[in-house]
Amino acid sequence: MKVSSAWSAGYTGTGIVIAVLDDGIQTDHPDLAANVDTANDLDIYNFDDDPNPSSGYSHGTQVSGLIAAVKDNSICVVGVAFNSTLIGVRILGPYAITDSEEAQGLSHYLSNVDIYSNSWGPVDGTGFKSPGLLTKAALQDGVTNGRNGKGAIYIWAAGNGNTADNCNADGYVNSIYTVAISSAMIGQNAWYSEVCASALAVAYGGSQDDRYLTTTTIQSGCKSAGIQGTSYAAPIVTGIVALTLEANSDLTWRDIQHLIVFTSNRNGLNDTYSDWSMNGANKECEFLSN
């Protein structure tokens, strides 16, 4: 993904603010604390400003490490955008939040947030699911008014339903305002990844079939076992977009989508359940063969 090349060119995510919408962030994790903005965090789930997760909830902390874990501190890992700023927005827990609360999360601190990273969505295999009216309006407002009119970037995990699901049925993923990311393993599609026209690209998401990713987790820990899914591919792309915005802050939300499309390559990927063809833009794209 040429991340090391971007680092060598001097890009580290400095000045880029990323809201992580998830089940919380351990804000004092020693590999994250230096990059977490605790003054502007939000816990929508519990109606306060402390995004630290409840006991047992580690997903958001794991996602955050892939984005912005500190470099060269000998703790756990390094994030793709290791000098970016994280804002925790806790929206996930044992019960669903409302449409208005989702909208609140997706517009939190819109005047300063550059990227909203989302590794959540409808339960796999449950049919068509659309965001509520207020959530749809929040996404449209974000790309219209975010980043001083250039548009906030909404990164979204495409889902882990493999061929039993199709991310075209996910209204968060198929929104024109979001950047949907699926997963690859080493040399082929990830066994859990979903195929749909809405997925702009894939990134490595870890896999039990080759190797898991390693990232931060709760109780100031570090975890590899089980770290696989589009939930982890998406924050890697969030970090890449942060490096891109640092390189050129004038890029709009549409520019980012175009850059992803025109710089992504198949690179010999062997797809185990799809066929490939050349589309009208002279780009290879995949479609389900059955």
Protein backbone atom coordinates (compact mmCIF):
# COMPACT_ATOMS: atom_id res chain seq x y z
CA MET A 1 0.00 0.00 0.00
CA LYS A 2 3.15 2.21 -0.17
CA VAL A 3 2.70 3.48 3.37
CA SER A 4 6.43 3.35 4.06
CA SER A 5 7.03 5.41 0.92
CA ALA A 6 4.65 8.06 2.22
CA TRP A 7 6.48 8.08 5.56
CA SER A 8 9.80 8.43 3.75
CA ALA A 9 8.35 11.45 1.94
CA GLY A 10 7.62 13.02 5.33
CA TYR A 11 3.90 12.35 5.67
CA THR A 12 2.75 11.09 9.08
CA GLY A 13 -0.80 12.41 9.48
CA THR A 14 0.22 15.59 11.26
CA GLY A 15 -2.67 18.04 11.53
CA ILE A 16 -5.34 15.56 10.43
CA VAL A 17 -8.22 14.95 12.85
CA ILE A 18 -9.98 11.58 12.76
CA ALA A 19 -13.19 10.69 14.60
CA VAL A 20 -13.42 6.97 15.39
CA LEU A 21 -17.08 5.97 15.72
CA ASP A 22 -17.11 2.67 17.57
CA ASP A 23 -17.57 1.06 21.00
CA GLY A 24 -15.10 3.44 22.62
CA ILE A 25 -11.37 4.11 22.89
CA GLN A 26 -9.12 3.51 25.87
CA THR A 27 -7.89 7.09 25.87
CA ASP A 28 -4.95 6.46 28.21
CA HIS A 29 -3.58 3.46 26.31
CA PRO A 30 0.19 4.11 26.25
CA ASP A 31 0.35 3.57 22.48
CA LEU A 32 -2.56 5.95 21.79
CA ALA A 33 -2.72 8.56 24.55
CA ALA A 34 -0.38 11.07 22.90
CA ASN A 35 -2.68 11.23 19.85
CA VAL A 36 -6.10 11.26 21.53
CA ASP A 37 -7.95 14.56 21.88
CA THR A 38 -9.74 14.05 25.18
CA ALA A 39 -11.18 17.57 25.16
CA ASN A 40 -13.48 16.81 22.23
CA ASP A 41 -14.34 13.14 22.75
CA LEU A 42 -18.00 12.13 23.01
CA ASP A 43 -19.93 9.20 24.43
CA ILE A 44 -23.29 9.28 22.70
CA TYR A 45 -24.11 5.89 24.12
CA ASN A 46 -23.92 7.03 27.75
CA PHE A 47 -24.66 10.74 27.22
CA ASP A 48 -21.30 12.07 28.46
CA ASP A 49 -17.89 13.08 27.11
CA ASP A 50 -15.91 10.01 28.17
CA PRO A 51 -15.47 7.58 25.24
CA ASN A 52 -13.69 4.89 27.25
CA PRO A 53 -15.36 1.53 26.59
CA SER A 54 -17.34 -0.57 28.99
CA SER A 55 -15.69 -3.72 30.29
CA GLY A 56 -15.05 -6.23 27.54
CA TYR A 57 -15.50 -3.83 24.63
CA SER A 58 -12.22 -3.57 22.72
CA HIS A 59 -13.14 -3.07 19.06
CA GLY A 60 -12.73 0.71 18.95
CA THR A 61 -9.36 0.58 20.70
CA GLN A 62 -8.19 -2.04 18.20
CA VAL A 63 -9.37 0.06 15.26
CA SER A 64 -7.65 3.14 16.68
CA GLY A 65 -4.24 1.49 16.91
CA LEU A 66 -4.16 0.76 13.20
CA ILE A 67 -4.85 4.43 12.50
CA ALA A 68 -2.70 6.31 14.98
CA ALA A 69 -0.64 4.19 17.37
CA VAL A 70 2.52 6.11 18.25
CA LYS A 71 5.74 5.37 16.35
CA ASP A 72 9.04 4.28 17.93
CA ASN A 73 7.89 4.00 21.54
CA SER A 74 8.53 0.23 21.70
CA ILE A 75 4.85 -0.38 22.53
CA CYS A 76 2.67 -2.66 20.41
CA VAL A 77 2.47 -1.24 16.84
CA VAL A 78 2.71 1.88 14.74
CA GLY A 79 -0.39 3.38 13.15
CA VAL A 80 -0.53 4.30 9.47
CA ALA A 81 -1.01 7.99 10.37
CA PHE A 82 0.99 7.92 13.59
CA ASN A 83 0.95 11.68 14.14
CA SER A 84 -2.75 12.21 13.46
CA THR A 85 -5.27 13.18 16.15
CA LEU A 86 -7.99 10.79 17.27
CA ILE A 87 -11.38 11.76 18.66
CA GLY A 88 -13.33 8.95 20.25
CA VAL A 89 -17.07 8.89 19.51
CA ARG A 90 -18.68 6.00 21.39
CA ILE A 91 -21.87 4.87 19.63
CA LEU A 92 -21.81 1.07 19.94
CA GLY A 93 -22.92 -1.21 22.77
CA PRO A 94 -25.37 -4.01 23.59
CA TYR A 95 -28.37 -2.14 22.19
CA ALA A 96 -28.88 0.01 19.10
CA ILE A 97 -28.80 3.79 19.18
CA THR A 98 -31.36 5.94 17.40
CA ASP A 99 -31.24 7.58 13.99
CA SER A 100 -30.72 11.00 15.60
CA GLU A 101 -27.85 9.65 17.72
CA GLU A 102 -26.16 8.13 14.66
CA ALA A 103 -26.52 11.49 12.93
CA GLN A 104 -25.00 13.21 15.96
CA GLY A 105 -21.98 10.93 15.81
CA LEU A 106 -21.45 11.43 12.09
CA SER A 107 -21.49 15.20 12.49
CA HIS A 108 -19.64 15.48 15.81
CA TYR A 109 -17.13 18.35 15.78
CA LEU A 110 -17.69 18.76 12.03
CA SER A 111 -15.86 22.08 12.03
CA ASN A 112 -12.58 20.31 12.80
CA VAL A 113 -12.86 16.61 11.89
CA ASP A 114 -11.31 15.60 8.57
CA ILE A 115 -12.18 11.87 8.51
CA TYR A 116 -14.88 9.79 10.21
CA SER A 117 -13.77 6.15 10.48
CA ASN A 118 -16.63 3.63 10.73
CA SER A 119 -16.07 -0.08 11.27
CA TRP A 120 -19.70 -0.95 11.94
CA GLY A 121 -22.98 -1.42 10.12
CA PRO A 122 -26.02 -3.67 9.79
CA VAL A 123 -25.76 -7.26 11.01
CA ASP A 124 -24.47 -9.52 8.22
CA GLY A 125 -27.08 -11.40 6.22
CA THR A 126 -30.14 -9.48 7.43
CA GLY A 127 -31.39 -8.11 4.12
CA PHE A 128 -31.56 -4.52 2.94
CA LYS A 129 -30.78 -1.92 5.60
CA SER A 130 -30.82 1.81 5.04
CA PRO A 131 -29.67 4.62 7.33
CA GLY A 132 -32.42 6.74 8.80
CA LEU A 133 -33.40 10.09 7.34
CA LEU A 134 -31.38 12.07 9.89
CA THR A 135 -28.29 9.94 9.33
CA LYS A 136 -28.56 10.38 5.58
CA ALA A 137 -28.90 14.13 6.09
CA ALA A 138 -25.84 14.14 8.37
CA LEU A 139 -23.72 12.43 5.71
CA GLN A 140 -24.85 14.89 3.06
CA ASP A 141 -24.20 17.82 5.39
CA GLY A 142 -20.76 16.43 6.21
CA VAL A 143 -19.60 16.31 2.60
CA THR A 144 -21.18 19.70 1.92
CA ASN A 145 -19.94 21.69 4.91
CA GLY A 146 -17.11 19.65 6.42
CA ARG A 147 -13.46 20.68 5.97
CA ASN A 148 -14.52 24.25 5.12
CA GLY A 149 -16.67 23.11 2.22
CA LYS A 150 -14.25 20.52 0.81
CA GLY A 151 -16.20 17.75 2.55
CA ALA A 152 -15.50 15.41 5.42
CA ILE A 153 -14.35 11.92 4.43
CA TYR A 154 -16.48 8.99 5.65
CA ILE A 155 -14.63 5.66 5.57
CA TRP A 156 -16.81 2.57 6.03
CA ALA A 157 -16.10 -1.15 6.45
CA ALA A 158 -17.92 -3.12 3.74
CA GLY A 159 -18.84 -6.09 5.96
CA ASN A 160 -17.79 -9.66 6.70
CA GLY A 161 -20.72 -11.64 5.32
CA ASN A 162 -18.72 -13.30 2.48
CA THR A 163 -20.96 -14.79 -0.23
CA ALA A 164 -23.82 -15.16 2.26
CA ASP A 165 -24.25 -11.38 2.12
CA ASN A 166 -23.82 -8.57 -0.40
CA CYS A 167 -22.73 -5.10 0.64
CA ASN A 168 -24.92 -3.52 -2.03
CA ALA A 169 -27.73 -4.14 0.47
CA ASP A 170 -25.97 -2.04 3.12
CA GLY A 171 -27.24 1.52 2.83
CA TYR A 172 -24.27 2.93 4.76
CA VAL A 173 -21.80 1.26 2.41
CA ASN A 174 -23.65 2.10 -0.82
CA SER A 175 -24.11 5.78 0.02
CA ILE A 176 -22.36 8.03 -2.50
CA TYR A 177 -20.99 9.98 0.46
CA THR A 178 -19.00 7.09 1.97
CA VAL A 179 -15.82 5.26 0.97
CA ALA A 180 -16.48 1.53 1.37
CA ILE A 181 -13.51 -0.76 1.97
CA SER A 182 -13.42 -4.54 1.79
CA SER A 183 -10.54 -6.93 2.66
CA ALA A 184 -7.81 -8.92 1.00
CA MET A 185 -5.66 -11.72 2.37
CA ILE A 186 -2.19 -12.39 1.03
CA GLY A 187 -2.66 -12.84 -2.71
CA GLN A 188 -6.44 -13.25 -2.74
CA ASN A 189 -9.73 -11.94 -1.44
CA ALA A 190 -10.27 -12.45 2.28
CA TRP A 191 -12.50 -15.44 3.00
CA TYR A 192 -14.97 -13.20 4.87
CA SER A 193 -15.06 -10.25 2.45
CA GLU A 194 -18.21 -9.16 0.65
CA VAL A 195 -18.33 -8.25 -3.02
CA CYS A 196 -20.38 -5.30 -4.22
CA ALA A 197 -20.28 -2.40 -6.64
CA SER A 198 -20.16 -0.04 -3.66
CA ALA A 199 -16.73 -1.19 -2.46
CA LEU A 200 -14.18 1.20 -3.94
CA ALA A 201 -11.12 -0.78 -2.87
CA VAL A 202 -9.72 -3.39 -0.51
CA ALA A 203 -6.88 -3.34 1.99
CA TYR A 204 -5.27 -6.14 3.95
CA GLY A 205 -7.65 -7.00 6.78
CA GLY A 206 -5.93 -9.91 8.49
CA SER A 207 -6.96 -13.55 8.23
CA GLN A 208 -6.83 -16.82 10.11
CA ASP A 209 -5.80 -18.36 6.79
CA ASP A 210 -2.47 -16.50 6.60
CA ARG A 211 -1.75 -13.97 9.33
CA TYR A 212 -3.69 -11.75 11.70
CA LEU A 213 -3.02 -8.06 12.10
CA THR A 214 -1.56 -6.75 15.36
CA THR A 215 -2.96 -3.73 17.14
CA THR A 216 -3.74 -2.06 20.45
CA THR A 217 -6.47 -3.37 22.71
CA ILE A 218 -8.03 -2.60 26.10
CA GLN A 219 -6.22 -2.83 29.44
CA SER A 220 -3.26 -1.16 27.74
CA GLY A 221 -2.69 -4.35 25.80
CA CYS A 222 -1.63 -5.49 22.37
CA LYS A 223 -3.46 -8.17 20.38
CA SER A 224 -2.95 -10.31 17.29
CA ALA A 225 -5.16 -13.37 17.72
CA GLY A 226 -8.46 -12.91 15.93
CA ILE A 227 -7.69 -9.51 14.42
CA GLN A 228 -9.29 -10.02 11.02
CA GLY A 229 -12.14 -8.33 9.17
CA THR A 230 -13.13 -5.37 7.07
CA SER A 231 -13.32 -3.57 10.43
CA TYR A 232 -9.52 -3.52 10.33
CA ALA A 233 -9.04 -2.90 6.61
CA ALA A 234 -11.13 0.28 6.87
CA PRO A 235 -8.98 2.05 9.52
CA ILE A 236 -5.84 1.24 7.52
CA VAL A 237 -7.44 3.13 4.62
CA THR A 238 -8.44 5.88 7.05
CA GLY A 239 -4.74 6.27 7.86
CA ILE A 240 -3.81 6.33 4.18
CA VAL A 241 -6.39 9.04 3.50
CA ALA A 242 -4.98 11.02 6.44
CA LEU A 243 -1.51 10.90 4.85
CA THR A 244 -3.08 12.00 1.56
CA LEU A 245 -4.87 14.98 3.12
CA GLU A 246 -1.67 16.02 4.84
CA ALA A 247 0.04 15.99 1.44
CA ASN A 248 -2.74 18.05 -0.16
CA SER A 249 -5.31 19.69 2.09
CA ASP A 250 -7.21 21.09 -0.91
CA LEU A 251 -8.54 17.68 -1.92
CA THR A 252 -12.33 17.39 -1.77
CA TRP A 253 -14.30 14.34 -0.69
CA ARG A 254 -14.86 13.52 -4.35
CA ASP A 255 -11.15 13.91 -5.10
CA ILE A 256 -10.42 11.28 -2.46
CA GLN A 257 -12.86 8.85 -4.07
CA HIS A 258 -11.31 9.42 -7.50
CA LEU A 259 -7.80 8.97 -6.13
CA ILE A 260 -8.76 5.66 -4.54
CA VAL A 261 -10.29 4.39 -7.77
CA PHE A 262 -7.44 5.49 -10.02
CA THR A 263 -4.56 4.44 -7.78
CA SER A 264 -5.94 1.04 -6.75
CA ASN A 265 -4.64 -1.94 -8.71
CA ARG A 266 -5.52 -5.62 -8.76
CA ASN A 267 -1.82 -6.53 -8.43
CA GLY A 268 -2.41 -10.15 -9.37
CA LEU A 269 -5.08 -10.73 -6.72
CA ASN A 270 -6.64 -14.18 -7.12
CA ASP A 271 -10.35 -13.88 -6.49
CA THR A 272 -11.89 -17.13 -5.29
CA TYR A 273 -15.55 -16.36 -5.90
CA SER A 274 -15.73 -13.59 -8.47
CA ASP A 275 -14.82 -12.91 -12.07
CA TRP A 276 -13.09 -9.79 -13.36
CA SER A 277 -13.75 -7.61 -16.37
CA MET A 278 -12.68 -4.23 -17.72
CA ASN A 279 -15.24 -1.46 -17.22
CA GLY A 280 -15.91 1.67 -19.23
CA ALA A 281 -13.27 3.62 -17.33
CA ASN A 282 -10.65 1.02 -18.32
CA LYS A 283 -10.41 -0.23 -14.75
CA GLU A 284 -10.62 -3.85 -13.71
CA CYS A 285 -13.65 -4.61 -11.58
CA GLU A 286 -15.08 -7.78 -10.10
CA PHE A 287 -18.56 -9.27 -10.16
CA LEU A 288 -20.08 -12.39 -8.67
CA SER A 289 -19.90 -15.19 -11.22
CA ASN A 290 -22.91 -16.98 -9.76
